[in-house]
C-alpha cells in the first residue's frame, strides 16, 4: 500500500544533500580533511540533477497518463 507517489527527483536531491552532510560530519569528526567549499558543488550539483530527474519523471508520468486516456477500455465482463 503506497502512502504517496514515488518521486525520484526528490530522492536524488536528498541523497546528494545527505552525502554532503556526511562529508562535512566526517571532516568535523576528524576522520578526514575536506575543504570547506566541497559541500557547495555537491549540494548544488545534486539539486540540479534532482531537478533534471524530476522533469524527466514528470514527462514520463504525463505521457503515460495521456496514453492511457486515449486507449479505449474494454470491459472483460
N, C-alpha and C. Protein backbone atom coordinates (compact mmCIF):
# COMPACT_ATOMS: atom_id res chain seq x y z
N UNK A 1 0.84 -1.17 0.00
CA UNK A 1 0.00 0.00 0.00
C UNK A 1 0.89 1.24 0.00
N UNK A 2 0.79 2.01 -1.06
CA UNK A 2 1.59 3.22 -1.16
C UNK A 2 0.91 4.37 -0.41
N UNK A 3 1.69 5.05 0.39
CA UNK A 3 1.14 6.20 1.10
C UNK A 3 1.24 7.47 0.25
N UNK A 4 2.19 7.48 -0.68
CA UNK A 4 2.36 8.63 -1.56
C UNK A 4 3.08 8.16 -2.82
N UNK A 5 3.12 9.04 -3.81
CA UNK A 5 3.81 8.71 -5.05
C UNK A 5 5.31 8.71 -4.85
N UNK A 6 6.00 7.86 -5.58
CA UNK A 6 7.45 7.84 -5.55
C UNK A 6 7.96 8.97 -6.43
N UNK A 7 8.81 9.82 -5.89
CA UNK A 7 9.38 10.95 -6.61
C UNK A 7 10.90 10.78 -6.67
N UNK A 8 11.43 10.27 -7.79
CA UNK A 8 12.87 10.01 -7.84
C UNK A 8 13.72 11.28 -7.81
N UNK A 9 13.20 12.40 -8.28
CA UNK A 9 13.96 13.65 -8.22
C UNK A 9 14.24 14.08 -6.79
N UNK A 10 13.27 13.92 -5.95
CA UNK A 10 13.45 14.26 -4.54
C UNK A 10 14.41 13.29 -3.87
N UNK A 11 14.39 12.04 -4.29
CA UNK A 11 15.33 11.06 -3.76
C UNK A 11 16.77 11.44 -4.12
N UNK A 12 17.00 11.80 -5.37
CA UNK A 12 18.35 12.18 -5.81
C UNK A 12 18.82 13.43 -5.06
N UNK A 13 17.96 14.41 -4.93
CA UNK A 13 18.34 15.64 -4.22
C UNK A 13 18.63 15.35 -2.75
N UNK A 14 17.82 14.53 -2.13
CA UNK A 14 18.03 14.19 -0.72
C UNK A 14 19.31 13.41 -0.49
N UNK A 15 19.62 12.49 -1.39
CA UNK A 15 20.84 11.70 -1.25
C UNK A 15 22.07 12.60 -1.42
N UNK A 16 22.00 13.56 -2.33
CA UNK A 16 23.15 14.45 -2.52
C UNK A 16 23.36 15.34 -1.29
N UNK A 17 22.29 15.85 -0.71
CA UNK A 17 22.43 16.67 0.49
C UNK A 17 22.92 15.81 1.66
N UNK A 18 22.44 14.59 1.75
CA UNK A 18 22.90 13.67 2.79
C UNK A 18 24.38 13.35 2.61
N UNK A 19 24.82 13.16 1.36
CA UNK A 19 26.22 12.91 1.10
C UNK A 19 27.11 14.07 1.50
N UNK A 20 26.66 15.29 1.21
CA UNK A 20 27.42 16.48 1.62
C UNK A 20 27.46 16.58 3.14
N UNK A 21 26.38 16.22 3.81
CA UNK A 21 26.36 16.25 5.27
C UNK A 21 27.33 15.22 5.86
N UNK A 22 27.42 14.05 5.24
CA UNK A 22 28.35 13.03 5.71
C UNK A 22 29.79 13.50 5.54
N UNK A 23 30.08 14.14 4.41
CA UNK A 23 31.44 14.66 4.18
C UNK A 23 31.78 15.72 5.22
N UNK A 24 30.86 16.63 5.49
CA UNK A 24 31.12 17.67 6.48
C UNK A 24 31.22 17.09 7.90
N UNK A 25 30.41 16.11 8.21
CA UNK A 25 30.47 15.48 9.53
C UNK A 25 31.78 14.71 9.70
N UNK A 26 32.22 14.04 8.64
CA UNK A 26 33.50 13.34 8.73
C UNK A 26 34.66 14.30 8.91
N UNK A 27 34.58 15.45 8.28
CA UNK A 27 35.61 16.47 8.46
C UNK A 27 35.57 17.03 9.88
N UNK A 28 34.38 17.29 10.38
CA UNK A 28 34.26 17.83 11.73
C UNK A 28 34.69 16.81 12.78
N UNK A 29 34.46 15.54 12.52
CA UNK A 29 34.84 14.50 13.46
C UNK A 29 36.30 14.11 13.39
N UNK A 30 37.02 14.64 12.41
CA UNK A 30 38.43 14.35 12.30
C UNK A 30 38.75 13.06 11.54
N UNK A 31 37.78 12.48 10.85
CA UNK A 31 38.04 11.25 10.10
C UNK A 31 38.84 11.53 8.83
N UNK A 32 38.61 12.68 8.22
CA UNK A 32 39.35 13.09 7.03
C UNK A 32 39.30 14.61 6.92
N UNK A 33 40.07 15.15 5.99
CA UNK A 33 40.08 16.59 5.77
C UNK A 33 39.40 16.88 4.45
N UNK A 34 38.42 17.73 4.48
CA UNK A 34 37.72 18.16 3.28
C UNK A 34 37.68 19.69 3.28
N UNK A 35 38.03 20.32 2.17
CA UNK A 35 37.95 21.79 2.13
C UNK A 35 36.50 22.24 2.34
N UNK A 36 36.35 23.45 2.84
CA UNK A 36 35.01 23.95 3.18
C UNK A 36 34.13 24.09 1.95
N UNK A 37 34.74 24.31 0.78
CA UNK A 37 33.95 24.56 -0.41
C UNK A 37 33.50 23.29 -1.13
N UNK A 38 33.80 22.14 -0.60
CA UNK A 38 33.39 20.88 -1.24
C UNK A 38 31.88 20.70 -1.17
N UNK A 39 31.26 21.15 -0.10
CA UNK A 39 29.83 20.94 0.09
C UNK A 39 28.99 21.73 -0.91
N UNK A 40 29.47 22.90 -1.31
CA UNK A 40 28.67 23.76 -2.20
C UNK A 40 28.43 23.10 -3.56
N UNK A 41 29.47 22.64 -4.28
CA UNK A 41 29.20 21.98 -5.56
C UNK A 41 28.44 20.67 -5.42
N UNK A 42 28.66 19.96 -4.31
CA UNK A 42 27.94 18.70 -4.12
C UNK A 42 26.44 18.95 -3.96
N UNK A 43 26.08 19.94 -3.18
CA UNK A 43 24.66 20.23 -2.95
C UNK A 43 24.02 20.83 -4.21
N UNK A 44 24.70 21.80 -4.82
CA UNK A 44 24.14 22.45 -6.00
C UNK A 44 24.03 21.45 -7.16
N UNK A 45 25.07 20.66 -7.35
CA UNK A 45 25.03 19.64 -8.41
C UNK A 45 23.94 18.60 -8.16
N UNK A 46 23.78 18.19 -6.92
CA UNK A 46 22.73 17.22 -6.59
C UNK A 46 21.33 17.79 -6.78
N UNK A 47 21.16 19.07 -6.43
CA UNK A 47 19.86 19.70 -6.63
C UNK A 47 19.53 19.85 -8.12
N UNK A 48 20.56 20.21 -8.90
CA UNK A 48 20.34 20.32 -10.36
C UNK A 48 20.02 18.96 -10.95
N UNK A 49 20.76 17.94 -10.55
CA UNK A 49 20.49 16.59 -11.04
C UNK A 49 19.11 16.11 -10.60
N UNK A 50 18.73 16.43 -9.37
CA UNK A 50 17.39 16.09 -8.90
C UNK A 50 16.31 16.79 -9.69
N UNK A 51 16.56 18.04 -10.09
CA UNK A 51 15.60 18.76 -10.92
C UNK A 51 15.44 18.14 -12.29
N UNK A 52 16.56 17.73 -12.89
CA UNK A 52 16.50 17.08 -14.20
C UNK A 52 15.76 15.75 -14.10
N UNK A 53 16.06 14.97 -13.06
CA UNK A 53 15.36 13.69 -12.87
C UNK A 53 13.88 13.93 -12.63
N UNK A 54 13.53 14.97 -11.88
CA UNK A 54 12.13 15.31 -11.64
C UNK A 54 11.40 15.71 -12.91
N UNK A 55 12.08 16.47 -13.78
CA UNK A 55 11.45 16.86 -15.05
C UNK A 55 11.24 15.64 -15.94
N UNK A 56 12.21 14.75 -15.98
CA UNK A 56 12.05 13.53 -16.79
C UNK A 56 10.93 12.68 -16.23
N UNK A 57 10.86 12.57 -14.91
CA UNK A 57 9.79 11.79 -14.27
C UNK A 57 8.43 12.39 -14.57
N UNK A 58 8.32 13.72 -14.51
CA UNK A 58 7.04 14.37 -14.82
C UNK A 58 6.62 14.16 -16.26
N UNK A 59 7.59 14.21 -17.17
CA UNK A 59 7.29 13.97 -18.58
C UNK A 59 6.80 12.54 -18.80
N UNK A 60 7.47 11.59 -18.18
CA UNK A 60 7.07 10.18 -18.34
C UNK A 60 5.69 9.96 -17.75
N UNK A 61 5.43 10.53 -16.58
CA UNK A 61 4.11 10.35 -15.96
C UNK A 61 3.00 10.98 -16.82
N UNK A 62 3.29 12.16 -17.37
CA UNK A 62 2.30 12.84 -18.21
C UNK A 62 2.00 12.04 -19.47
N UNK A 63 3.05 11.49 -20.08
CA UNK A 63 2.85 10.70 -21.30
C UNK A 63 2.10 9.41 -21.01
N UNK A 64 2.40 8.78 -19.89
CA UNK A 64 1.68 7.55 -19.53
C UNK A 64 0.21 7.83 -19.27
N UNK A 65 -0.04 8.96 -18.59
CA UNK A 65 -1.42 9.32 -18.28
C UNK A 65 -2.20 9.62 -19.55
N UNK A 66 -1.60 10.36 -20.48
CA UNK A 66 -2.31 10.71 -21.71
C UNK A 66 -2.46 9.49 -22.62
N UNK A 67 -1.48 8.61 -22.64
CA UNK A 67 -1.58 7.41 -23.46
C UNK A 67 -2.67 6.48 -22.92
N UNK A 68 -2.82 6.42 -21.62
CA UNK A 68 -3.86 5.59 -21.02
C UNK A 68 -5.24 6.14 -21.27
N UNK A 69 -5.38 7.47 -21.40
CA UNK A 69 -6.69 8.08 -21.63
C UNK A 69 -7.14 7.90 -23.07
N UNK A 70 -6.19 7.76 -24.01
CA UNK A 70 -6.55 7.61 -25.42
C UNK A 70 -7.03 6.20 -25.75
N UNK A 71 -6.53 5.23 -25.04
CA UNK A 71 -6.91 3.85 -25.34
C UNK A 71 -8.34 3.58 -24.91
N UNK A 72 -9.11 2.95 -25.77
CA UNK A 72 -10.46 2.57 -25.33
C UNK A 72 -10.39 1.40 -24.35
N UNK A 73 -11.11 1.53 -23.30
CA UNK A 73 -11.10 0.47 -22.28
C UNK A 73 -12.16 -0.56 -22.63
N UNK A 74 -11.74 -1.80 -22.61
CA UNK A 74 -12.69 -2.88 -22.89
C UNK A 74 -13.03 -3.55 -21.58
N UNK A 75 -14.29 -3.80 -21.41
CA UNK A 75 -14.75 -4.44 -20.18
C UNK A 75 -14.79 -5.94 -20.42
N UNK A 76 -14.00 -6.72 -19.68
CA UNK A 76 -13.98 -8.17 -19.94
C UNK A 76 -15.26 -8.88 -19.53
N UNK A 77 -16.11 -8.23 -18.76
CA UNK A 77 -17.32 -8.92 -18.29
C UNK A 77 -18.42 -8.90 -19.25
